[in-house]
Amino acid sequence: MHRSAWSAFLVYFGVTLSKGFWFPFLPETYFWMADVFCFVVLPASLVILLKLPLFPEYAIGKQKIRSEPPGTLIFFSFILSLALWVAYSVSGYFANALIQDLSPIFPVRISYESHIPKNGFGAFLVVIYFALTAGLVEEYFFRGLLNIAMARNATKNVVLFVLVSSICFTAIHWGGGARNLLSSFLPGLVLAVTFVRIRDIRVCMLGHGLFWLKWLF
């Protein structure tokens, strides 16, 4: 299983990491088609072809898998979404202090804001799309699947998993510019630590998705 997990993770990570190079050259018509390919078609294909589990179980370390009632998982998810909001806000504050120096190195290459409807049903659909893809897909690969992939060679090294997960998650945001890059590490760290502590990928998925729903208000 760990080989399939590594293969799937590296393919997904490589494609999403490369978006900053080819997305800027896409015509308007194909922008969302390409994004759906990266965040829906490709992940689904990898799961089906490699016969990966839908909800990867926590695999690093000797801690037992936790079995919490649904109500407790939902409560943890709400707490996580609030923690992500705080982490994102704090990261944004420090990003503003460094953005002038890093912007020439990491200019904005992918601007989702320029492709998002300002209001109406279209804007609602985009937020739901972001909540689902970020919550389900990113958590599946950067927390759940990476955890399985690293389990064989890093069984006891939980810290290594947290760092690798956070760094890889941060790296795929480089196309959004320096601020987007700098604002991603702390939330990624919170998500990785949560997965280590709660040991249930569903909490990370729901919490990450709920965080995105704040854009509806």
C-alpha atoms as a PDB file:
ATOM      1  CA  MET A   1       0.000   0.000   0.000  1.00  0.00           C
ATOM      2  CA  HIS A   2       2.800   2.429   0.821  1.00  0.00           C
ATOM      3  CA  ARG A   3       4.144   2.211  -2.761  1.00  0.00           C
ATOM      4  CA  SER A   4       0.754   3.028  -4.245  1.00  0.00           C
ATOM      5  CA  ALA A   5       0.395   5.853  -1.731  1.00  0.00           C
ATOM      6  CA  TRP A   6       3.788   7.280  -2.685  1.00  0.00           C
ATOM      7  CA  SER A   7       3.004   7.010  -6.410  1.00  0.00           C
ATOM      8  CA  ALA A   8      -0.343   8.745  -6.052  1.00  0.00           C
ATOM      9  CA  PHE A   9       1.004  11.455  -3.767  1.00  0.00           C
ATOM     10  CA  LEU A  10       3.984  12.264  -6.015  1.00  0.00           C
ATOM     11  CA  VAL A  11       1.821  12.446  -9.150  1.00  0.00           C
ATOM     12  CA  TYR A  12      -0.733  14.704  -7.476  1.00  0.00           C
ATOM     13  CA  PHE A  13       1.930  16.838  -5.797  1.00  0.00           C
ATOM     14  CA  GLY A  14       3.891  17.204  -9.039  1.00  0.00           C
ATOM     15  CA  VAL A  15       0.867  18.282 -11.068  1.00  0.00           C
ATOM     16  CA  THR A  16      -0.399  20.793  -8.497  1.00  0.00           C
ATOM     17  CA  LEU A  17       3.120  22.129  -7.951  1.00  0.00           C
ATOM     18  CA  SER A  18       3.481  22.739 -11.688  1.00  0.00           C
ATOM     19  CA  LYS A  19       0.281  24.797 -11.972  1.00  0.00           C
ATOM     20  CA  GLY A  20       2.181  28.049 -11.519  1.00  0.00           C
ATOM     21  CA  PHE A  21       4.053  27.373 -14.758  1.00  0.00           C
ATOM     22  CA  TRP A  22       1.194  26.560 -17.130  1.00  0.00           C
ATOM     23  CA  PHE A  23      -2.014  27.955 -15.614  1.00  0.00           C
ATOM     24  CA  PRO A  24      -1.126  31.593 -16.468  1.00  0.00           C
ATOM     25  CA  PHE A  25      -1.159  30.719 -20.171  1.00  0.00           C
ATOM     26  CA  LEU A  26      -4.590  29.102 -20.219  1.00  0.00           C
ATOM     27  CA  PRO A  27      -7.389  30.929 -22.044  1.00  0.00           C
ATOM     28  CA  GLU A  28     -10.265  31.999 -19.806  1.00  0.00           C
ATOM     29  CA  THR A  29     -12.467  29.215 -21.176  1.00  0.00           C
ATOM     30  CA  TYR A  30     -10.093  26.483 -20.060  1.00  0.00           C
ATOM     31  CA  PHE A  31      -9.078  27.829 -16.634  1.00  0.00           C
ATOM     32  CA  TRP A  32     -11.790  26.103 -14.611  1.00  0.00           C
ATOM     33  CA  MET A  33     -11.627  22.991 -16.786  1.00  0.00           C
ATOM     34  CA  ALA A  34      -7.934  22.649 -15.931  1.00  0.00           C
ATOM     35  CA  ASP A  35      -8.603  23.289 -12.250  1.00  0.00           C
ATOM     36  CA  VAL A  36     -11.316  20.625 -12.147  1.00  0.00           C
ATOM     37  CA  PHE A  37      -8.888  18.224 -13.797  1.00  0.00           C
ATOM     38  CA  CYS A  38      -6.240  18.925 -11.129  1.00  0.00           C
ATOM     39  CA  PHE A  39      -8.554  18.797  -8.123  1.00  0.00           C
ATOM     40  CA  VAL A  40     -11.284  16.345  -9.162  1.00  0.00           C
ATOM     41  CA  VAL A  41     -10.500  14.188 -12.199  1.00  0.00           C
ATOM     42  CA  LEU A  42      -6.845  13.448 -11.398  1.00  0.00           C
ATOM     43  CA  PRO A  43      -7.352  12.623  -7.681  1.00  0.00           C
ATOM     44  CA  ALA A  44     -10.387  10.442  -8.411  1.00  0.00           C
ATOM     45  CA  SER A  45      -8.498   8.611 -11.152  1.00  0.00           C
ATOM     46  CA  LEU A  46      -5.541   7.922  -8.858  1.00  0.00           C
ATOM     47  CA  VAL A  47      -7.794   6.582  -6.109  1.00  0.00           C
ATOM     48  CA  ILE A  48      -9.621   4.273  -8.529  1.00  0.00           C
ATOM     49  CA  LEU A  49      -6.637   3.064 -10.554  1.00  0.00           C
ATOM     50  CA  LEU A  50      -4.392   2.433  -7.541  1.00  0.00           C
ATOM     51  CA  LYS A  51      -7.266   1.092  -5.398  1.00  0.00           C
ATOM     52  CA  LEU A  52      -6.565   3.517  -2.567  1.00  0.00           C
ATOM     53  CA  PRO A  53      -8.745   3.753   0.555  1.00  0.00           C
ATOM     54  CA  LEU A  54     -11.353   6.508   0.575  1.00  0.00           C
ATOM     55  CA  PHE A  55     -10.481   7.512   4.136  1.00  0.00           C
ATOM     56  CA  PRO A  56      -6.804   6.722   4.853  1.00  0.00           C
ATOM     57  CA  GLU A  57      -6.242   5.619   8.425  1.00  0.00           C
ATOM     58  CA  TYR A  58      -3.500   7.136  10.540  1.00  0.00           C
ATOM     59  CA  ALA A  59      -0.418   4.945  10.126  1.00  0.00           C
ATOM     60  CA  ILE A  60       2.640   6.618  11.700  1.00  0.00           C
ATOM     61  CA  GLY A  61       3.621   5.831  15.250  1.00  0.00           C
ATOM     62  CA  LYS A  62       2.328   3.259  17.690  1.00  0.00           C
ATOM     63  CA  GLN A  63      -0.747   5.168  18.804  1.00  0.00           C
ATOM     64  CA  LYS A  64      -4.025   3.358  18.295  1.00  0.00           C
ATOM     65  CA  ILE A  65      -6.625   4.631  15.867  1.00  0.00           C
ATOM     66  CA  ARG A  66      -9.160   6.712  17.761  1.00  0.00           C
ATOM     67  CA  SER A  67     -12.840   5.919  17.438  1.00  0.00           C
ATOM     68  CA  GLU A  68     -14.941   8.934  18.369  1.00  0.00           C
ATOM     69  CA  PRO A  69     -18.720   9.344  18.028  1.00  0.00           C
ATOM     70  CA  PRO A  70     -19.907  11.511  15.092  1.00  0.00           C
ATOM     71  CA  GLY A  71     -20.872  14.385  17.385  1.00  0.00           C
ATOM     72  CA  THR A  72     -17.356  14.572  18.826  1.00  0.00           C
ATOM     73  CA  LEU A  73     -15.803  14.539  15.349  1.00  0.00           C
ATOM     74  CA  ILE A  74     -18.058  17.390  14.235  1.00  0.00           C
ATOM     75  CA  PHE A  75     -17.163  19.363  17.363  1.00  0.00           C
ATOM     76  CA  PHE A  76     -13.428  18.849  16.704  1.00  0.00           C
ATOM     77  CA  SER A  77     -13.997  19.941  13.098  1.00  0.00           C
ATOM     78  CA  PHE A  78     -15.583  23.232  14.149  1.00  0.00           C
ATOM     79  CA  ILE A  79     -12.732  23.900  16.566  1.00  0.00           C
ATOM     80  CA  LEU A  80     -10.246  23.125  13.789  1.00  0.00           C
ATOM     81  CA  SER A  81     -11.951  25.528  11.379  1.00  0.00           C
ATOM     82  CA  LEU A  82     -11.639  28.305  13.973  1.00  0.00           C
ATOM     83  CA  ALA A  83      -7.984  27.407  14.575  1.00  0.00           C
ATOM     84  CA  LEU A  84      -7.361  27.587  10.816  1.00  0.00           C
ATOM     85  CA  TRP A  85      -8.943  31.039  10.674  1.00  0.00           C
ATOM     86  CA  VAL A  86      -6.638  32.226  13.467  1.00  0.00           C
ATOM     87  CA  ALA A  87      -3.593  30.596  11.830  1.00  0.00           C
ATOM     88  CA  TYR A  88      -4.429  32.165   8.472  1.00  0.00           C
ATOM     89  CA  SER A  89      -4.921  35.598  10.029  1.00  0.00           C
ATOM     90  CA  VAL A  90      -1.655  35.425  11.973  1.00  0.00           C
ATOM     91  CA  SER A  91       0.204  34.171   8.890  1.00  0.00           C
ATOM     92  CA  GLY A  92      -1.264  36.995   6.820  1.00  0.00           C
ATOM     93  CA  TYR A  93      -0.043  39.551   9.344  1.00  0.00           C
ATOM     94  CA  PHE A  94       3.547  38.343   9.131  1.00  0.00           C
ATOM     95  CA  ALA A  95       3.253  37.849   5.371  1.00  0.00           C
ATOM     96  CA  ASN A  96       2.511  41.547   4.954  1.00  0.00           C
ATOM     97  CA  ALA A  97       5.852  42.351   6.623  1.00  0.00           C
ATOM     98  CA  LEU A  98       7.803  40.084   4.266  1.00  0.00           C
ATOM     99  CA  ILE A  99       5.810  40.384   1.072  1.00  0.00           C
ATOM    100  CA  GLN A 100       7.794  43.335  -0.296  1.00  0.00           C
ATOM    101  CA  ASP A 101      11.018  41.319  -0.248  1.00  0.00           C
ATOM    102  CA  LEU A 102       9.532  38.089  -1.556  1.00  0.00           C
ATOM    103  CA  SER A 103       7.086  39.380  -4.173  1.00  0.00           C
ATOM    104  CA  PRO A 104       9.791  39.713  -6.866  1.00  0.00           C
ATOM    105  CA  ILE A 105      10.724  36.068  -6.237  1.00  0.00           C
ATOM    106  CA  PHE A 106       7.145  34.786  -5.998  1.00  0.00           C
ATOM    107  CA  PRO A 107       4.908  37.059  -8.070  1.00  0.00           C
ATOM    108  CA  VAL A 108       1.230  36.252  -8.451  1.00  0.00           C
ATOM    109  CA  ARG A 109       0.981  33.833 -11.375  1.00  0.00           C
ATOM    110  CA  ILE A 110      -2.432  32.326 -10.657  1.00  0.00           C
ATOM    111  CA  SER A 111      -5.150  34.756  -9.603  1.00  0.00           C
ATOM    112  CA  TYR A 112      -8.320  32.910  -8.691  1.00  0.00           C
ATOM    113  CA  GLU A 113      -9.923  36.191  -7.662  1.00  0.00           C
ATOM    114  CA  SER A 114      -9.894  37.374 -11.270  1.00  0.00           C
ATOM    115  CA  HIS A 115     -11.846  34.260 -12.301  1.00  0.00           C
ATOM    116  CA  ILE A 116     -14.370  34.191  -9.445  1.00  0.00           C
ATOM    117  CA  PRO A 117     -17.788  35.828  -9.950  1.00  0.00           C
ATOM    118  CA  LYS A 118     -18.179  38.750  -7.563  1.00  0.00           C
ATOM    119  CA  ASN A 119     -21.662  37.762  -6.413  1.00  0.00           C
ATOM    120  CA  GLY A 120     -24.679  35.652  -7.235  1.00  0.00           C
ATOM    121  CA  PHE A 121     -25.066  31.912  -7.622  1.00  0.00           C
ATOM    122  CA  GLY A 122     -21.763  31.604  -9.492  1.00  0.00           C
ATOM    123  CA  ALA A 123     -19.832  32.950  -6.509  1.00  0.00           C
ATOM    124  CA  PHE A 124     -21.699  30.540  -4.210  1.00  0.00           C
ATOM    125  CA  LEU A 125     -20.794  27.570  -6.414  1.00  0.00           C
ATOM    126  CA  VAL A 126     -17.105  28.533  -6.476  1.00  0.00           C
ATOM    127  CA  VAL A 127     -16.936  28.733  -2.672  1.00  0.00           C
ATOM    128  CA  ILE A 128     -18.590  25.303  -2.374  1.00  0.00           C
ATOM    129  CA  TYR A 129     -16.149  23.966  -4.966  1.00  0.00           C
ATOM    130  CA  PHE A 130     -13.176  25.341  -3.001  1.00  0.00           C
ATOM    131  CA  ALA A 131     -14.541  23.930   0.261  1.00  0.00           C
ATOM    132  CA  LEU A 132     -14.946  20.461  -1.242  1.00  0.00           C
ATOM    133  CA  THR A 133     -11.641  20.329  -3.108  1.00  0.00           C
ATOM    134  CA  ALA A 134      -9.607  21.813  -0.265  1.00  0.00           C
ATOM    135  CA  GLY A 135     -11.361  19.800   2.411  1.00  0.00           C
ATOM    136  CA  LEU A 136     -11.550  16.447   0.685  1.00  0.00           C
ATOM    137  CA  VAL A 137      -8.735  16.370  -1.844  1.00  0.00           C
ATOM    138  CA  GLU A 138      -5.941  18.336  -0.169  1.00  0.00           C
ATOM    139  CA  GLU A 139      -6.484  16.607   3.159  1.00  0.00           C
ATOM    140  CA  TYR A 140      -6.652  13.211   1.488  1.00  0.00           C
ATOM    141  CA  PHE A 141      -3.267  13.634  -0.183  1.00  0.00           C
ATOM    142  CA  PHE A 142      -1.266  15.931   2.124  1.00  0.00           C
ATOM    143  CA  ARG A 143      -2.360  14.404   5.396  1.00  0.00           C
ATOM    144  CA  GLY A 144      -3.957  10.988   4.879  1.00  0.00           C
ATOM    145  CA  LEU A 145      -2.087   9.531   1.905  1.00  0.00           C
ATOM    146  CA  LEU A 146       1.283  11.056   2.769  1.00  0.00           C
ATOM    147  CA  ASN A 147       0.918   9.558   6.240  1.00  0.00           C
ATOM    148  CA  ILE A 148       0.539   6.079   4.742  1.00  0.00           C
ATOM    149  CA  ALA A 149       3.405   6.682   2.317  1.00  0.00           C
ATOM    150  CA  MET A 150       5.808   7.697   5.092  1.00  0.00           C
ATOM    151  CA  ALA A 151       4.728   5.060   7.602  1.00  0.00           C
ATOM    152  CA  ARG A 152       7.132   2.326   6.494  1.00  0.00           C
ATOM    153  CA  ASN A 153      10.325   4.371   6.745  1.00  0.00           C
ATOM    154  CA  ALA A 154       9.288   6.911   9.369  1.00  0.00           C
ATOM    155  CA  THR A 155       7.110   4.877  11.717  1.00  0.00           C
ATOM    156  CA  LYS A 156       8.219   6.703  14.834  1.00  0.00           C
ATOM    157  CA  ASN A 157       9.115  10.034  13.299  1.00  0.00           C
ATOM    158  CA  VAL A 158       5.866  11.950  13.703  1.00  0.00           C
ATOM    159  CA  VAL A 159       7.721  15.288  13.623  1.00  0.00           C
ATOM    160  CA  LEU A 160       9.137  14.462  10.191  1.00  0.00           C
ATOM    161  CA  PHE A 161       5.661  13.734   8.862  1.00  0.00           C
ATOM    162  CA  VAL A 162       4.299  17.014  10.243  1.00  0.00           C
ATOM    163  CA  LEU A 163       7.137  19.005   8.643  1.00  0.00           C
ATOM    164  CA  VAL A 164       6.989  17.239   5.262  1.00  0.00           C
ATOM    165  CA  SER A 165       3.212  17.550   5.149  1.00  0.00           C
ATOM    166  CA  SER A 166       3.299  21.265   6.024  1.00  0.00           C
ATOM    167  CA  ILE A 167       6.122  22.092   3.594  1.00  0.00           C
ATOM    168  CA  CYS A 168       4.559  20.212   0.668  1.00  0.00           C
ATOM    169  CA  PHE A 169       1.170  21.781   1.360  1.00  0.00           C
ATOM    170  CA  THR A 170       2.785  25.222   1.429  1.00  0.00           C
ATOM    171  CA  ALA A 171       4.790  24.616  -1.743  1.00  0.00           C
ATOM    172  CA  ILE A 172       1.765  24.047  -3.989  1.00  0.00           C
ATOM    173  CA  HIS A 173       0.537  27.572  -3.178  1.00  0.00           C
ATOM    174  CA  TRP A 174       3.557  29.315  -4.697  1.00  0.00           C
ATOM    175  CA  GLY A 175       1.691  30.194  -7.875  1.00  0.00           C
ATOM    176  CA  GLY A 176      -0.627  32.451  -5.883  1.00  0.00           C
ATOM    177  CA  GLY A 177       2.231  34.767  -4.990  1.00  0.00           C
ATOM    178  CA  ALA A 178       4.313  35.498  -1.906  1.00  0.00           C
ATOM    179  CA  ARG A 179       1.402  36.278   0.404  1.00  0.00           C
ATOM    180  CA  ASN A 180      -0.464  33.109  -0.520  1.00  0.00           C
ATOM    181  CA  LEU A 181       2.718  31.092  -0.023  1.00  0.00           C
ATOM    182  CA  LEU A 182       3.568  32.615   3.360  1.00  0.00           C
ATOM    183  CA  SER A 183      -0.015  32.333   4.585  1.00  0.00           C
ATOM    184  CA  SER A 184      -0.214  28.588   3.899  1.00  0.00           C
ATOM    185  CA  PHE A 185       2.466  27.137   6.163  1.00  0.00           C
ATOM    186  CA  LEU A 186       0.895  27.762   9.583  1.00  0.00           C
ATOM    187  CA  PRO A 187      -2.561  26.465   8.556  1.00  0.00           C
ATOM    188  CA  GLY A 188      -0.834  23.429   7.015  1.00  0.00           C
ATOM    189  CA  LEU A 189       1.020  22.892  10.276  1.00  0.00           C
ATOM    190  CA  VAL A 190      -2.237  23.102  12.252  1.00  0.00           C
ATOM    191  CA  LEU A 191      -3.852  20.530   9.967  1.00  0.00           C
ATOM    192  CA  ALA A 192      -0.913  18.122  10.190  1.00  0.00           C
ATOM    193  CA  VAL A 193      -0.728  18.382  13.987  1.00  0.00           C
ATOM    194  CA  THR A 194      -4.497  17.882  14.218  1.00  0.00           C
ATOM    195  CA  PHE A 195      -4.255  14.696  12.174  1.00  0.00           C
ATOM    196  CA  VAL A 196      -1.481  13.434  14.434  1.00  0.00           C
ATOM    197  CA  ARG A 197      -3.451  14.217  17.578  1.00  0.00           C
ATOM    198  CA  ILE A 198      -6.986  13.258  16.478  1.00  0.00           C
ATOM    199  CA  ARG A 199      -5.894  10.492  14.068  1.00  0.00           C
ATOM    200  CA  ASP A 200      -9.057  10.782  11.994  1.00  0.00           C
ATOM    201  CA  ILE A 201      -8.765  12.281   8.506  1.00  0.00           C
ATOM    202  CA  ARG A 202     -12.472  13.133   8.513  1.00  0.00           C
ATOM    203  CA  VAL A 203     -11.891  15.859  11.107  1.00  0.00           C
ATOM    204  CA  CYS A 204      -9.257  17.512   8.890  1.00  0.00           C
ATOM    205  CA  MET A 205     -11.486  17.200   5.826  1.00  0.00           C
ATOM    206  CA  LEU A 206     -14.532  18.721   7.486  1.00  0.00           C
ATOM    207  CA  GLY A 207     -12.573  21.377   9.378  1.00  0.00           C
ATOM    208  CA  HIS A 208     -10.707  22.494   6.251  1.00  0.00           C
ATOM    209  CA  GLY A 209     -13.952  22.593   4.281  1.00  0.00           C
ATOM    210  CA  LEU A 210     -15.740  24.618   6.964  1.00  0.00           C
ATOM    211  CA  PHE A 211     -12.870  27.109   6.941  1.00  0.00           C
ATOM    212  CA  TRP A 212     -13.567  27.842   3.279  1.00  0.00           C
ATOM    213  CA  LEU A 213     -17.280  28.300   3.887  1.00  0.00           C
ATOM    214  CA  LYS A 214     -16.482  31.502   5.771  1.00  0.00           C
ATOM    215  CA  TRP A 215     -16.206  33.189   2.359  1.00  0.00           C
ATOM    216  CA  LEU A 216     -19.985  32.861   2.036  1.00  0.00           C
ATOM    217  CA  PHE A 217     -20.472  35.447   4.788  1.00  0.00           C
END
